[in-house]
Protein backbone atom coordinates (compact mmCIF):
# COMPACT_ATOMS: atom_id res chain seq x y z
CA MET A 1 3.84 -1.57 -4.01
CA LYS A 2 3.09 -4.53 -1.82
CA ALA A 3 2.57 -3.87 1.87
CA THR A 4 4.93 -5.67 4.21
CA GLU A 5 3.63 -7.52 7.24
CA GLN A 6 4.94 -4.70 9.43
CA THR A 7 3.06 -2.10 7.34
CA GLN A 8 -0.15 -4.10 7.66
CA GLN A 9 0.31 -4.31 11.44
CA GLN A 10 1.04 -0.57 11.73
CA LEU A 11 -2.05 0.30 9.68
CA GLY A 12 -4.19 -2.09 11.73
CA ARG A 13 -2.97 -0.47 14.95
CA ALA A 14 -3.74 3.02 13.58
CA ILE A 15 -7.28 1.97 12.62
CA ARG A 16 -7.86 0.52 16.09
CA LYS A 17 -6.66 3.79 17.67
CA ILE A 18 -9.06 5.77 15.48
CA ALA A 19 -11.96 3.49 16.45
CA GLU A 20 -11.06 3.83 20.15
CA LYS A 21 -11.57 7.60 19.90
CA PHE A 22 -15.15 7.03 18.69
CA PRO A 23 -16.55 4.10 20.70
CA PRO A 24 -19.91 2.69 19.56
CA LYS A 25 -22.94 4.45 21.04
CA GLU A 26 -26.68 3.91 20.79
CA ASP A 27 -27.23 7.53 19.80
CA ALA A 28 -24.20 8.61 17.77
CA SER A 29 -24.13 12.36 17.90
CA GLN A 30 -20.80 13.39 16.44
CA MET A 31 -20.72 14.15 12.75
CA THR A 32 -17.30 13.87 11.12
CA ASP A 33 -15.24 12.11 8.50
CA ILE A 34 -11.85 10.58 9.18
CA HIS A 35 -9.11 12.35 7.21
CA ILE A 36 -5.98 10.25 6.82
CA ARG A 37 -2.95 12.29 5.84
CA VAL A 38 0.29 10.69 4.71
CA VAL A 39 3.60 12.51 4.32
CA GLN A 40 5.55 10.77 1.58
CA GLU A 41 9.02 11.90 2.72
CA THR A 42 8.66 10.84 6.37
CA GLY A 43 6.20 7.94 6.05
CA GLU A 44 4.08 9.62 8.71
CA LEU A 45 0.38 8.72 8.76
CA MET A 46 -1.94 11.00 10.71
CA ALA A 47 -5.69 10.88 11.22
CA PHE A 48 -7.82 13.98 11.78
CA ASP A 49 -11.49 14.80 12.22
CA ASP A 50 -13.35 17.48 10.22
CA ASP A 51 -12.13 20.18 12.62
CA ASP A 52 -8.51 19.22 11.89
CA LYS A 53 -8.14 17.81 15.40
CA GLU A 54 -5.55 15.05 15.44
CA ILE A 55 -6.86 11.62 16.35
CA THR A 56 -3.68 9.55 16.03
CA ARG A 57 -0.38 9.32 14.19
CA CYS A 58 2.25 6.73 13.38
CA VAL A 59 5.17 6.22 11.01
CA ILE A 60 4.94 3.57 8.31
CA GLU A 61 8.60 2.63 7.90
CA GLN A 62 8.10 1.09 4.46
CA TRP A 63 6.91 4.48 3.16
CA ILE A 64 9.82 6.60 4.45
CA ASP A 65 11.59 8.41 1.59
CA ASN A 66 9.41 6.77 -1.05
CA LYS A 67 10.09 8.65 -4.29
CA ASP A 68 7.41 7.04 -6.49
CA ASP A 69 5.39 9.55 -8.50
CA ASP A 70 2.27 7.45 -7.98
CA PHE A 71 2.84 6.90 -4.26
CA TYR A 72 -0.60 8.11 -3.17
CA GLU A 73 -2.37 6.03 -5.82
CA GLN A 74 -0.46 2.98 -4.60
CA ILE A 75 -1.32 3.40 -0.94
CA VAL A 76 -5.07 3.91 -1.50
CA GLY A 77 -5.57 0.17 -1.98
CA ILE A 78 -3.23 -0.74 0.88
CA ILE A 79 -5.04 1.47 3.39
CA ARG A 80 -8.46 0.44 2.05
CA ARG A 81 -7.65 -3.26 2.56
CA ALA A 82 -6.43 -2.51 6.10
CA ILE A 83 -9.74 -0.82 6.88
CA GLU A 84 -11.70 -3.69 5.31
CA LYS A 85 -9.82 -6.18 7.52
CA GLN A 86 -11.26 -4.31 10.51
CA LYS A 87 -14.63 -3.69 8.96
CA SER A 88 -16.60 -4.22 12.16
CA LEU A 89 -14.54 -1.57 13.99
CA ALA A 90 -14.75 0.88 11.09
CA GLU A 91 -18.51 0.47 10.64
CA ASN A 92 -19.49 0.64 14.30
CA MET A 93 -17.81 3.82 15.40
CA GLY A 94 -19.88 6.30 17.43
CA LEU A 95 -20.31 8.64 14.46
CA LEU A 96 -23.42 9.67 12.57
CA LYS A 97 -23.74 7.81 9.28
CA PRO A 98 -22.75 8.37 6.58
CA TYR A 99 -19.10 9.01 7.30
CA ALA A 100 -16.00 8.27 5.29
CA PHE A 101 -12.32 7.57 5.59
CA VAL A 102 -10.58 9.85 3.08
CA LEU A 103 -6.94 10.02 2.05
CA GLU A 104 -5.18 13.37 1.80
CA ASP A 105 -1.64 14.25 0.85
CA ASP A 106 0.62 16.32 3.10
CA ASP A 107 -0.83 19.53 1.59
CA LYS A 108 -4.31 18.48 2.78
CA GLU A 109 -5.38 17.86 -0.82
CA HIS A 110 -7.99 15.15 -1.34
CA VAL A 111 -6.45 12.04 -2.93
CA GLY A 112 -9.32 9.56 -2.71
CA GLU A 113 -12.14 7.94 -0.78
CA LEU A 114 -10.88 4.96 1.17
CA TYR A 115 -14.02 3.65 2.79
CA VAL A 116 -17.57 4.95 3.15
CA VAL A 117 -19.69 3.83 6.08
CA ASP A 118 -23.34 3.99 5.12
CA ASP A 119 -26.10 1.45 4.87
CA ASP A 120 -26.53 2.00 1.13
CA THR A 121 -23.09 2.95 -0.23
CA VAL A 122 -20.10 0.78 -1.06
CA ILE A 123 -16.81 1.81 -2.67
CA ILE A 124 -15.44 -0.85 -4.98
CA ASP A 125 -11.68 -1.33 -5.10
CA THR A 126 -10.16 0.10 -8.29
CA GLU A 127 -8.18 -3.12 -8.84
CA LEU A 128 -11.47 -4.99 -9.08
CA MET A 129 -12.74 -2.45 -11.60
CA ALA A 130 -9.59 -2.39 -13.77
CA GLY A 131 -10.46 -2.76 -17.45
CA LEU A 132 -14.19 -2.25 -16.92
CA ASP A 133 -14.32 0.79 -19.23
CA LYS A 134 -12.77 -1.17 -22.08
CA ASP A 135 -15.08 -4.13 -21.48
CA LEU A 136 -18.13 -1.85 -21.55
CA ASP A 137 -16.91 -0.07 -24.70
CA ASP A 138 -16.36 -3.42 -26.43
CA PHE A 139 -19.80 -4.59 -25.32
CA PHE A 140 -21.52 -1.46 -26.65
CA ASP A 141 -19.57 -1.60 -29.94
CA LYS A 142 -20.67 -5.20 -30.45
CA LEU A 143 -24.24 -4.34 -29.47
CA LEU A 144 -24.40 -1.44 -31.93
CA LYS A 145 -23.02 -3.58 -34.75
CA ASP A 146 -25.80 -6.10 -34.26
């Protein structure tokens, strides 16, 4: 699935609203992750803290009534890229590090890590890593033959 311009704008707006709830502070004292829940049937995207307190919500029109079996796997990259576009907002929220943006389905089941904010940790996009296992296996097979 390719995100439309409208989807990108809606995600960008949602990320800005999340960041507004946690303005940068010298002494970040709140400890939480950002849980992003998406309801496949309605296209609704909601963000919650660790206490299940709602931070913001919006409807991503492109996702309404999406019937794809791999819907959640498809949107991981879309949401991750939207967060990366607003990296400075995401990384300077008034939260104790490390914190993460995580994707959950409408049953509150963990789908995947979207973005980790920590000085030492980086999540690499799965598209970038596609085929790495095969490349490593081929490399080790060749190495063992020699």
